[in-house]
Protein backbone atom coordinates (compact mmCIF):
# COMPACT_ATOMS: atom_id res chain seq x y z
CA MET A 1 21.14 37.83 -25.92
CA ASN A 2 18.94 41.03 -25.09
CA ASP A 3 16.95 40.54 -28.11
CA ALA A 4 13.32 39.14 -27.39
CA VAL A 5 12.55 37.80 -30.92
CA GLU A 6 16.34 35.88 -30.42
CA LEU A 7 15.18 34.35 -26.84
CA SER A 8 12.10 33.36 -28.46
CA ILE A 9 14.10 31.49 -31.43
CA PHE A 10 16.54 29.95 -28.86
CA ALA A 11 13.97 28.78 -26.85
CA SER A 12 12.26 26.74 -29.79
CA ARG A 13 15.15 25.37 -30.79
CA VAL A 14 16.10 23.90 -27.20
CA GLU A 15 12.10 22.66 -27.58
CA ALA A 16 12.88 21.35 -31.18
CA VAL A 17 15.63 18.91 -29.95
CA CYS A 18 12.97 17.34 -27.62
CA GLU A 19 10.46 17.07 -30.37
CA GLU A 20 13.15 15.23 -32.73
CA MET A 21 13.89 13.05 -30.16
CA GLY A 22 10.09 12.08 -29.58
CA ALA A 23 9.82 11.42 -33.20
CA VAL A 24 13.03 9.36 -33.52
CA LEU A 25 11.59 6.86 -30.69
CA LYS A 26 8.30 6.94 -32.15
CA ARG A 27 9.20 5.58 -35.40
CA ALA A 28 11.81 3.42 -34.21
CA ALA A 29 10.06 1.47 -31.42
CA PHE A 30 8.54 -2.10 -31.43
CA SER A 31 6.09 -2.12 -28.80
CA PRO A 32 2.48 -0.75 -29.75
CA ASN A 33 2.77 0.94 -26.45
CA ILE A 34 5.43 3.29 -27.35
CA ARG A 35 4.94 3.36 -31.25
CA ASP A 36 1.42 3.98 -31.18
CA ARG A 37 0.03 5.09 -27.94
CA CYS A 38 3.32 7.17 -27.68
CA ASP A 39 3.55 6.69 -23.94
CA PHE A 40 7.03 8.38 -23.67
CA SER A 41 8.48 11.74 -23.18
CA CYS A 42 11.69 13.60 -24.06
CA ALA A 43 13.59 16.67 -22.13
CA VAL A 44 16.97 18.50 -22.55
CA PHE A 45 19.14 19.40 -19.22
CA ASP A 46 21.75 21.44 -17.93
CA PRO A 47 24.83 20.38 -16.38
CA GLU A 48 23.11 20.25 -12.89
CA GLY A 49 20.06 18.33 -14.00
CA GLU A 50 17.95 21.61 -14.11
CA LEU A 51 15.71 21.30 -17.08
CA CYS A 52 16.03 23.23 -20.00
CA ALA A 53 13.08 22.27 -22.40
CA GLN A 54 10.56 19.55 -23.06
CA ALA A 55 8.59 18.55 -25.76
CA ALA A 56 4.77 18.43 -25.00
CA HIS A 57 4.50 14.86 -24.07
CA ILE A 58 3.68 13.13 -20.68
CA PRO A 59 2.86 15.34 -17.85
CA VAL A 60 3.76 12.92 -15.29
CA HIS A 61 6.88 11.70 -16.91
CA LEU A 62 8.24 15.60 -17.25
CA GLY A 63 7.16 17.08 -14.21
CA SER A 64 9.00 13.88 -12.09
CA MET A 65 11.82 14.45 -14.30
CA ALA A 66 12.38 18.09 -13.84
CA PHE A 67 11.90 17.45 -10.23
CA ALA A 68 14.29 14.08 -9.75
CA MET A 69 16.82 14.85 -12.38
CA ARG A 70 19.36 16.95 -10.27
CA ASP A 71 19.70 13.96 -8.05
CA ILE A 72 20.52 11.27 -10.57
CA VAL A 73 23.25 13.65 -12.19
CA GLY A 74 24.95 13.72 -8.91
CA ARG A 75 24.71 10.11 -8.29
CA MET A 76 26.95 9.21 -11.46
CA GLU A 77 30.24 9.48 -12.86
CA TRP A 78 29.75 11.33 -16.65
CA HIS A 79 31.88 10.43 -19.58
CA PRO A 80 31.51 11.25 -23.47
CA GLY A 81 29.66 8.22 -25.11
CA ASP A 82 28.08 6.93 -21.97
CA MET A 83 24.16 6.73 -21.52
CA VAL A 84 22.33 5.63 -18.25
CA VAL A 85 19.66 3.51 -17.63
CA VAL A 86 17.05 4.05 -14.57
CA ASN A 87 13.64 2.79 -13.40
CA ASP A 88 13.64 2.66 -9.74
CA PRO A 89 11.19 5.40 -8.48
CA TYR A 90 13.27 5.99 -5.18
CA LEU A 91 16.24 7.05 -7.17
CA GLY A 92 14.56 9.51 -9.82
CA GLY A 93 11.92 7.04 -11.61
CA THR A 94 8.30 6.82 -11.54
CA HIS A 95 7.26 3.33 -11.53
CA LEU A 96 8.94 0.43 -12.72
CA PRO A 97 7.73 0.03 -16.54
CA ASP A 98 8.88 3.75 -17.11
CA ILE A 99 12.48 3.06 -18.26
CA THR A 100 14.71 6.54 -18.50
CA VAL A 101 17.81 6.54 -20.63
CA ILE A 102 20.26 9.75 -20.19
CA ALA A 103 22.98 10.81 -22.08
CA PRO A 104 25.44 13.54 -21.30
CA LEU A 105 26.64 16.26 -24.22
CA PHE A 106 30.10 16.78 -23.93
CA LEU A 107 31.72 19.57 -26.30
CA HIS A 108 35.69 20.76 -26.19
CA HIS A 109 35.61 18.28 -22.98
CA ARG A 110 33.45 20.25 -21.10
CA LEU A 111 29.96 19.02 -19.78
CA MET A 112 27.15 20.98 -21.51
CA GLY A 113 24.09 19.29 -20.55
CA PHE A 114 21.92 16.16 -21.07
CA VAL A 115 19.29 14.66 -22.99
CA ALA A 116 16.70 12.19 -21.64
CA ASN A 117 13.96 10.19 -22.65
CA ARG A 118 11.38 7.78 -20.56
CA ALA A 119 8.94 5.37 -22.01
CA HIS A 120 6.61 3.30 -20.75
CA HIS A 121 7.31 -0.57 -21.50
CA ALA A 122 4.69 -3.09 -21.14
CA ASN A 123 6.71 -5.70 -19.76
CA ILE A 124 9.38 -5.21 -17.51
CA GLY A 125 9.49 -8.39 -15.51
CA GLY A 126 6.27 -7.91 -13.28
CA ASP A 127 4.25 -10.92 -11.88
CA SER A 128 1.64 -10.17 -13.91
CA PRO A 129 1.12 -9.60 -17.80
CA GLY A 130 1.68 -6.05 -18.39
CA SER A 131 3.82 -5.41 -15.52
CA MET A 132 0.99 -3.49 -13.50
CA PRO A 133 0.26 -6.02 -10.65
CA ILE A 134 -1.94 -5.83 -7.60
CA SER A 135 1.38 -5.62 -5.74
CA GLY A 136 2.33 -5.24 -2.25
CA ARG A 137 6.11 -4.39 -2.54
CA LEU A 138 8.54 -3.12 -5.13
CA ASP A 139 10.02 -5.90 -6.03
CA GLU A 140 6.63 -7.76 -7.22
CA GLU A 141 6.18 -5.07 -9.96
CA GLY A 142 9.23 -6.10 -11.98
CA LEU A 143 13.14 -5.74 -12.42
CA VAL A 144 14.32 -2.91 -10.30
CA ILE A 145 16.94 -0.66 -12.08
CA PRO A 146 19.16 1.95 -10.20
CA PRO A 147 21.12 4.40 -12.43
CA THR A 148 23.22 2.36 -14.22
CA THR A 149 25.59 2.75 -17.16
CA LEU A 150 23.88 1.05 -20.26
CA VAL A 151 26.36 2.18 -22.87
CA TRP A 152 30.05 2.81 -22.49
CA ALA A 153 31.41 5.14 -24.57
CA GLY A 154 29.40 4.17 -27.05
CA GLN A 155 29.11 0.61 -26.61
CA LEU A 156 25.94 -1.36 -25.33
CA ASP A 157 26.84 -3.20 -22.02
CA GLU A 158 25.55 -6.47 -23.54
CA ALA A 159 25.56 -7.98 -20.19
CA LEU A 160 23.37 -5.79 -18.68
CA MET A 161 20.93 -5.73 -21.76
CA GLU A 162 20.72 -9.54 -21.51
CA ARG A 163 19.69 -9.33 -17.70
CA ILE A 164 16.79 -7.22 -19.04
CA VAL A 165 16.03 -9.20 -21.38
CA ALA A 166 15.68 -12.22 -19.52
CA ALA A 167 13.66 -10.54 -16.96
CA THR A 168 10.64 -9.35 -19.27
CA GLY A 169 11.22 -12.67 -21.56
CA SER A 170 10.17 -10.37 -24.64
CA PRO A 171 13.69 -10.31 -26.53
CA VAL A 172 12.69 -8.48 -29.66
CA GLU A 173 10.40 -6.09 -28.41
CA THR A 174 12.63 -5.25 -25.56
CA ARG A 175 15.77 -4.78 -27.35
CA GLY A 176 13.73 -3.15 -30.17
CA ASP A 177 12.65 -0.57 -27.87
CA PHE A 178 15.79 -0.06 -25.76
CA SER A 179 17.53 0.45 -29.01
CA ALA A 180 15.03 3.45 -30.06
CA GLN A 181 15.65 5.11 -26.91
CA VAL A 182 19.31 4.97 -27.38
CA SER A 183 18.68 6.14 -31.01
CA ALA A 184 16.80 9.05 -29.51
CA ASN A 185 19.19 10.02 -27.27
CA ALA A 186 21.74 9.80 -30.09
CA ASN A 187 19.93 11.94 -32.11
CA GLY A 188 19.14 14.76 -29.44
CA LEU A 189 22.73 14.58 -28.72
CA LYS A 190 23.74 15.49 -32.26
CA ARG A 191 21.03 18.27 -32.50
CA LEU A 192 22.28 19.81 -29.15
CA GLU A 193 25.54 19.63 -30.38
CA GLU A 194 24.49 21.90 -33.49
CA LEU A 195 22.99 24.22 -31.42
CA VAL A 196 25.64 24.76 -28.60
CA GLU A 197 28.33 24.93 -31.63
CA SER A 198 26.02 27.37 -33.69
CA LEU A 199 25.88 29.65 -30.56
CA GLY A 200 29.01 29.43 -28.75
CA VAL A 201 29.49 27.69 -25.34
CA GLU A 202 29.36 31.02 -23.21
CA ARG A 203 26.32 32.20 -25.68
CA TYR A 204 24.40 29.00 -25.05
CA ARG A 205 25.25 29.16 -21.34
CA SER A 206 23.83 32.73 -20.80
CA SER A 207 21.03 32.19 -23.35
CA LEU A 208 20.12 29.41 -20.68
CA ALA A 209 20.36 31.30 -17.98
CA GLU A 210 18.19 34.25 -19.73
CA LEU A 211 15.42 31.73 -20.39
CA ASN A 212 15.00 30.61 -17.07
CA ASP A 213 14.83 34.39 -15.88
CA TYR A 214 12.43 35.12 -18.42
CA ALA A 215 10.22 31.62 -17.49
CA GLU A 216 10.22 32.92 -13.84
CA ARG A 217 8.94 36.21 -14.50
CA LEU A 218 6.03 34.97 -16.80
CA ALA A 219 5.14 32.34 -14.02
CA ARG A 220 5.34 34.83 -11.20
CA SER A 221 3.17 37.16 -13.05
CA ALA A 222 0.61 34.34 -13.38
CA LEU A 223 0.84 33.16 -9.76
CA GLU A 224 0.35 37.03 -8.73
CA ALA A 225 -2.83 36.79 -9.80
CA ILE A 226 -4.00 34.19 -7.03
CA PRO A 227 -5.03 36.03 -4.04
CA ASP A 228 -2.81 35.65 -1.31
CA GLY A 229 -4.36 33.13 1.46
CA HIS A 230 -4.05 29.54 2.35
CA TYR A 231 -6.71 27.27 0.75
CA ALA A 232 -7.06 23.82 1.63
CA PHE A 233 -9.22 21.08 0.01
CA THR A 234 -9.54 16.90 0.47
CA ASP A 235 -10.04 14.19 -2.02
CA TYR A 236 -9.66 10.58 -1.83
CA LEU A 237 -8.95 7.49 -3.78
CA ASP A 238 -11.21 4.81 -3.70
CA ASP A 239 -8.92 1.92 -2.43
CA ASP A 240 -5.51 0.54 -2.89
CA GLY A 241 -6.25 -2.89 -4.27
CA LYS A 242 -5.54 -4.38 -0.80
CA GLY A 243 -8.72 -3.69 1.20
CA HIS A 244 -8.06 -0.22 2.33
CA VAL A 245 -10.59 2.32 1.27
CA ASP A 246 -11.38 6.26 0.93
CA LEU A 247 -7.53 7.09 1.10
CA PRO A 248 -7.11 10.54 1.70
CA ILE A 249 -5.13 13.23 -0.30
CA CYS A 250 -4.89 16.79 1.62
CA ALA A 251 -3.58 19.68 -0.17
CA THR A 252 -3.08 23.06 1.80
CA VAL A 253 -2.13 25.81 -0.74
CA THR A 254 -0.43 28.82 0.45
CA VAL A 255 0.15 32.18 -1.92
CA GLU A 256 2.03 34.50 -0.82
CA GLY A 257 3.05 37.60 -3.22
CA GLY A 258 3.48 35.17 -6.10
CA ARG A 259 5.23 32.35 -4.31
CA ILE A 260 3.35 28.73 -3.74
CA HIS A 261 3.64 26.23 -1.40
CA VAL A 262 1.65 23.08 -1.35
CA ASP A 263 1.68 20.80 1.82
CA PHE A 264 0.33 17.53 1.78
CA THR A 265 0.02 16.71 5.46
CA GLY A 266 -3.01 14.82 6.62
CA THR A 267 -2.73 12.75 3.48
CA ALA A 268 -2.90 9.04 4.39
CA ALA A 269 0.23 6.85 5.21
CA GLN A 270 1.41 4.67 2.58
CA THR A 271 -0.49 1.45 1.99
CA PRO A 272 -0.17 -2.09 1.57
CA GLY A 273 -1.29 -1.83 -1.85
CA ASN A 274 0.35 0.32 -5.07
CA VAL A 275 -0.80 3.76 -4.92
CA ASN A 276 2.01 4.81 -3.14
CA CYS A 277 4.32 7.02 -4.85
CA PRO A 278 7.58 9.00 -4.81
CA LEU A 279 7.20 12.63 -4.19
CA SER A 280 8.75 13.15 -7.32
CA VAL A 281 5.35 12.22 -8.77
CA ALA A 282 3.28 14.49 -6.37
CA ALA A 283 5.65 17.23 -7.60
CA ALA A 284 4.83 16.31 -11.14
CA GLY A 285 0.74 16.71 -10.27
CA VAL A 286 1.90 19.95 -8.43
CA PHE A 287 3.93 21.76 -11.26
CA TYR A 288 1.14 20.54 -13.66
CA VAL A 289 -1.82 22.41 -12.21
CA PHE A 290 0.31 25.91 -12.10
CA ARG A 291 1.81 25.53 -15.38
CA CYS A 292 -1.71 25.36 -16.45
CA LEU A 293 -2.48 28.70 -14.92
CA MET A 294 0.47 30.57 -16.89
CA PRO A 295 0.61 32.13 -20.08
CA ASP A 296 0.94 29.33 -23.05
CA GLN A 297 4.41 30.88 -24.18
CA THR A 298 5.40 30.27 -20.85
CA PRO A 299 8.95 27.96 -21.69
CA ALA A 300 9.13 24.65 -19.85
CA CYS A 301 12.48 24.81 -17.92
CA ALA A 302 13.37 25.15 -14.49
CA GLY A 303 12.56 29.03 -13.99
CA THR A 304 9.15 27.95 -14.75
CA PHE A 305 8.69 26.35 -11.19
CA ARG A 306 11.15 28.19 -9.08
CA SER A 307 8.51 29.88 -7.33
CA ILE A 308 6.84 26.48 -6.44
CA THR A 309 7.76 24.36 -3.33
CA LEU A 310 5.90 21.57 -1.89
CA GLU A 311 6.15 19.02 1.12
CA ALA A 312 4.93 15.68 2.21
CA PRO A 313 5.61 13.46 5.34
CA GLU A 314 7.73 11.18 5.09
CA GLY A 315 6.12 7.62 4.88
CA SER A 316 2.89 9.02 3.35
CA LEU A 317 1.20 8.23 0.49
CA LEU A 318 2.73 11.00 -1.76
CA ASN A 319 6.11 10.30 -0.10
CA ALA A 320 6.41 6.61 0.13
CA GLN A 321 9.78 4.92 1.43
CA ARG A 322 11.10 1.70 -0.10
CA PRO A 323 10.03 -1.17 -0.41
CA ALA A 324 6.27 0.46 -0.89
CA ALA A 325 4.55 -0.93 -4.19
CA VAL A 326 3.99 1.85 -6.73
CA ALA A 327 2.67 0.64 -9.85
CA ALA A 328 -0.63 2.81 -9.41
CA GLY A 329 0.78 5.73 -8.07
CA ASN A 330 2.05 7.16 -10.92
CA VAL A 331 -1.06 6.71 -12.79
CA GLU A 332 -3.64 6.95 -10.23
CA THR A 333 -2.38 8.94 -7.64
CA SER A 334 -0.89 11.52 -9.55
CA SER A 335 -4.25 12.08 -10.73
CA ARG A 336 -5.76 12.47 -7.38
CA VAL A 337 -2.92 15.10 -6.82
CA VAL A 338 -4.23 17.27 -9.72
CA ASP A 339 -8.14 16.92 -8.20
CA ALA A 340 -6.83 17.86 -4.29
CA VAL A 341 -4.64 20.88 -5.98
CA CYS A 342 -7.22 22.33 -7.92
CA GLY A 343 -10.13 21.81 -5.39
CA ALA A 344 -8.01 23.52 -2.88
CA LEU A 345 -7.45 26.56 -6.01
CA ALA A 346 -11.23 26.18 -6.53
CA GLY A 347 -11.38 28.56 -3.24
CA ALA A 348 -9.25 31.17 -4.42
CA ILE A 349 -9.73 31.40 -8.21
CA PRO A 350 -13.29 29.55 -8.75
CA GLU A 351 -13.50 31.23 -12.14
CA ARG A 352 -10.12 29.36 -13.49
CA ILE A 353 -10.55 26.13 -11.87
CA PRO A 354 -12.56 23.31 -13.84
CA ALA A 355 -14.63 20.51 -12.39
CA ALA A 356 -12.97 17.58 -11.61
CA SER A 357 -12.41 15.25 -14.69
CA HIS A 358 -13.09 11.41 -14.78
CA GLY A 359 -9.63 11.09 -12.54
CA SER A 360 -7.95 7.98 -13.45
CA MET A 361 -5.78 6.80 -16.21
CA ASN A 362 -8.58 3.65 -16.37
CA ASN A 363 -5.16 1.27 -16.73
CA VAL A 364 -5.76 -2.19 -18.32
CA ALA A 365 -3.12 -4.75 -18.45
CA MET A 366 -3.04 -8.44 -19.70
CA GLY A 367 -1.49 -10.89 -21.44
CA ALA A 368 -0.46 -14.65 -21.28
CA ARG A 369 3.04 -16.44 -20.03
CA ASP A 370 2.37 -19.83 -21.70
CA THR A 371 5.12 -21.27 -23.93
CA GLY A 372 4.16 -20.42 -27.59
CA ASN A 373 1.57 -17.79 -26.36
CA TYR A 374 3.62 -15.29 -24.39
CA TRP A 375 2.02 -11.84 -25.12
CA ASP A 376 1.74 -8.52 -22.99
CA TYR A 377 -0.69 -5.54 -23.51
CA TYR A 378 -1.24 -2.22 -21.72
CA GLU A 379 -3.48 0.64 -22.32
CA THR A 380 -4.84 3.69 -20.54
CA MET A 381 -8.37 4.91 -21.62
CA GLY A 382 -9.84 8.43 -21.55
CA GLY A 383 -13.05 9.92 -20.09
CA GLY A 384 -15.41 12.84 -19.51
CA MET A 385 -13.20 15.95 -18.82
CA GLY A 386 -14.51 18.34 -16.26
CA ALA A 387 -16.60 21.54 -17.26
CA GLY A 388 -15.57 25.24 -16.53
CA ALA A 389 -16.70 28.61 -16.24
CA LEU A 390 -15.68 29.29 -20.06
CA GLY A 391 -16.94 26.03 -21.45
CA GLY A 392 -18.19 22.28 -20.87
CA GLY A 393 -16.03 19.66 -20.39
CA LEU A 394 -14.65 17.30 -23.65
CA SER A 395 -15.72 13.84 -23.94
CA ALA A 396 -13.77 10.68 -24.40
CA VAL A 397 -10.17 12.15 -23.82
CA GLN A 398 -7.23 11.89 -21.65
CA THR A 399 -6.87 14.61 -18.96
CA HIS A 400 -4.46 16.10 -16.64
CA MET A 401 -1.42 13.74 -16.00
CA THR A 402 -1.61 11.64 -19.06
CA ASN A 403 -1.29 12.67 -22.81
CA THR A 404 -0.98 9.16 -24.35
CA LEU A 405 -3.18 8.07 -27.53
CA ASN A 406 -5.22 5.00 -27.55
CA THR A 407 -4.05 1.80 -29.37
CA PRO A 408 -5.63 1.57 -32.56
CA ILE A 409 -8.12 -1.29 -32.95
CA GLU A 410 -6.34 -2.55 -35.66
CA VAL A 411 -2.92 -2.55 -34.36
CA LEU A 412 -4.20 -4.24 -31.00
CA GLU A 413 -6.05 -6.88 -32.91
CA MET A 414 -3.58 -7.65 -35.53
CA ALA A 415 -0.89 -7.88 -32.31
CA HIS A 416 -2.66 -9.73 -29.98
CA PRO A 417 -5.37 -12.41 -29.38
CA LEU A 418 -8.24 -9.51 -28.70
CA ARG A 419 -11.34 -8.19 -30.48
CA VAL A 420 -12.31 -5.18 -29.89
CA SER A 421 -16.32 -5.43 -29.71
CA ARG A 422 -17.30 -2.36 -28.53
CA TYR A 423 -15.68 1.51 -28.37
CA GLU A 424 -18.15 4.43 -27.99
CA VAL A 425 -18.74 7.71 -25.75
CA ARG A 426 -20.49 6.91 -22.64
CA SER A 427 -23.96 9.24 -23.01
CA GLY A 428 -25.07 10.45 -20.07
CA SER A 429 -22.18 10.37 -18.01
CA GLY A 430 -20.98 13.96 -17.54
CA GLY A 431 -22.35 15.94 -14.57
CA VAL A 432 -25.10 18.15 -15.35
CA GLY A 433 -25.07 22.20 -15.06
CA GLU A 434 -25.00 25.67 -16.87
CA ARG A 435 -21.80 24.07 -18.41
CA PRO A 436 -22.28 20.09 -18.50
CA GLY A 437 -18.79 17.73 -17.49
CA GLY A 438 -17.32 15.43 -20.39
CA GLU A 439 -18.70 12.14 -21.52
CA GLY A 440 -16.63 9.07 -20.42
CA LEU A 441 -15.89 5.94 -22.63
CA ILE A 442 -16.71 2.38 -23.20
CA ARG A 443 -14.53 -0.36 -24.45
CA GLU A 444 -15.13 -3.80 -24.62
CA PHE A 445 -12.26 -6.19 -25.07
CA GLU A 446 -13.24 -9.91 -26.18
CA PHE A 447 -10.46 -12.58 -25.69
CA LEU A 448 -9.60 -14.81 -28.50
CA ALA A 449 -6.95 -16.52 -26.27
CA PRO A 450 -6.85 -17.31 -22.57
CA ALA A 451 -5.10 -14.43 -20.47
CA GLN A 452 -4.54 -12.73 -16.98
CA VAL A 453 -6.29 -9.28 -16.91
CA THR A 454 -5.15 -6.62 -14.22
CA LEU A 455 -7.30 -3.59 -13.77
CA LEU A 456 -5.88 -0.17 -11.73
CA THR A 457 -8.68 2.13 -12.40
CA GLU A 458 -10.12 4.64 -9.77
CA ARG A 459 -13.47 6.71 -9.42
CA ARG A 460 -15.43 3.83 -9.39
CA ARG A 461 -16.63 4.46 -5.66
CA ARG A 462 -16.56 8.07 -5.86
CA SER A 463 -17.67 10.09 -8.40
CA PRO A 464 -15.71 13.39 -10.07
CA TRP A 465 -17.15 16.20 -8.34
CA GLY A 466 -18.82 19.11 -9.83
CA LEU A 467 -18.31 23.20 -9.35
CA ALA A 468 -20.25 26.07 -8.39
CA GLY A 469 -23.32 24.16 -8.33
CA GLY A 470 -22.74 21.84 -10.86
CA GLY A 471 -23.56 18.06 -10.76
CA GLU A 472 -20.90 15.12 -10.08
CA GLY A 473 -20.09 13.38 -13.14
CA LYS A 474 -21.23 9.49 -13.26
CA ALA A 475 -18.45 7.14 -11.73
CA GLY A 476 -17.04 4.36 -13.78
CA GLU A 477 -17.62 0.67 -13.88
CA ASN A 478 -15.44 -2.47 -14.79
CA LEU A 479 -17.38 -5.70 -16.18
CA LEU A 480 -16.87 -9.31 -17.01
CA ASN A 481 -19.32 -11.07 -18.80
CA GLY A 482 -22.03 -8.41 -17.46
CA GLU A 483 -20.87 -8.89 -14.04
CA PRO A 484 -19.45 -6.01 -11.94
CA LEU A 485 -15.50 -6.34 -10.83
CA PRO A 486 -13.44 -4.24 -8.43
CA GLY A 487 -11.89 -1.00 -9.60
CA LYS A 488 -8.42 -2.87 -9.07
CA THR A 489 -8.26 -6.41 -9.42
CA THR A 490 -6.66 -9.53 -11.16
CA LEU A 491 -8.28 -12.31 -12.89
CA SER A 492 -7.83 -14.94 -15.42
CA VAL A 493 -10.06 -15.08 -18.26
CA ALA A 494 -11.32 -17.74 -20.89
CA VAL A 495 -11.86 -17.68 -24.35
CA GLY A 496 -15.04 -15.59 -25.52
CA ASP A 497 -15.13 -13.70 -21.92
CA ARG A 498 -15.91 -10.14 -22.59
CA LEU A 499 -14.43 -7.30 -20.28
CA THR A 500 -15.36 -3.92 -20.41
CA VAL A 501 -14.06 -0.92 -19.27
CA ILE A 502 -16.52 2.09 -18.38
CA SER A 503 -14.62 5.62 -17.46
CA ALA A 504 -16.19 7.83 -15.49
CA GLY A 505 -17.62 11.13 -16.94
CA GLY A 506 -16.58 14.87 -15.91
CA GLY A 507 -17.99 17.20 -13.08
CA GLY A 508 -20.60 19.94 -14.56
CA TRP A 509 -20.19 23.70 -13.57
CA GLY A 510 -22.65 26.10 -12.81
CA ASN A 511 -26.15 25.41 -11.34
CA PRO A 512 -28.34 23.69 -14.30
């Protein structure tokens, strides 16, 4: 395939497989978290586990899958009609609520590749509703699933499914969401088989090789625009929820002839709290930043990232070792990885790097475990985007490592004993500057039944930084009935209580 037009069409066709998988998953899922918030991602991989294509879903899902899939592929024996499930963060997952289902494609008795989807389940059996507890060990966060065959030759393993359902206590929703994930993969296999059959096996494989080479050339041309040198920056997590504060994340970016190496030496050691993460999550943050510097038409495949490597000390916050808790690492620590790498690159290409965004997924998890009143709710909230040389930051949006929607108020109030009493842009929270930072969000929940609530939020102690003389964004706040709450906390609430989550504004750019 030497024709550039043909290569472009091929790239679009592989990506379309992922997009259609996502459409099936969204429409078939039972839970608001997957169906309405779209907290899921879909991708296609080659026989070795290298990324071929992905839909524009959740960066932290996709980057971590691209980094870890090769190890998962090497661990299993693959057969036609099988599907494997995994959520173990130390064996290719991110955190336990993100459950990945992987299916191989065999054609003429030959392994041609894999389709996979990863979806966030609001209940995976954690110690608190929403399965995002203030945990100290992995086993407190829910059911740990190593790579395990869920579907054998087209038949669901009912014993495994029952074990998962028993852990969650939500049989209808859990089964419905797993059925949606299996169906999405079945659709992906069908579409990928049609693509391979239409091209022929050898042409399909050679087209993938060309696509990766093309992506590498595009990526290298973008990365070569970054001046050679060493660029360092340190940013901080507020705390780990267990009393340890101001945890440094140190990034040293080395640029040499279009090749990038990111070294996280100096980053805090893994902590007793749950802001630790496996190296795959740190990789997702690194890949995301540099992908944003590449041309829009750069394919999302393995070749895109060939020129980028990273390292983090074993036992550190970004390369934690079992059994460290990781529930917030995937959501909060990944966000700060982006800030640290962007801060370093601001020393190399200041005109292309924005100020810090609100820097948190502002995780809200709640529910009840009472007989007859069993429910789980989980949501992430947007905030202010950092401003840059070309324009001010957007307001009230998800930024960087998350790309989910909010739960529509109508859906939330129909599904749970909650009322949203306030939902608005947080005026005046963006950093001042020639280009002002975006504004944060305010979302207030009134409880119509007793519940347990967990908050995992960041940028409550330290504000998002500005650049080029721009001011900081205002730090976020959490309130219960008007009284301040910590950034990471678990509490019980009564009927009539009101929880207010206020996200940070983005940093400003340029001297005001």
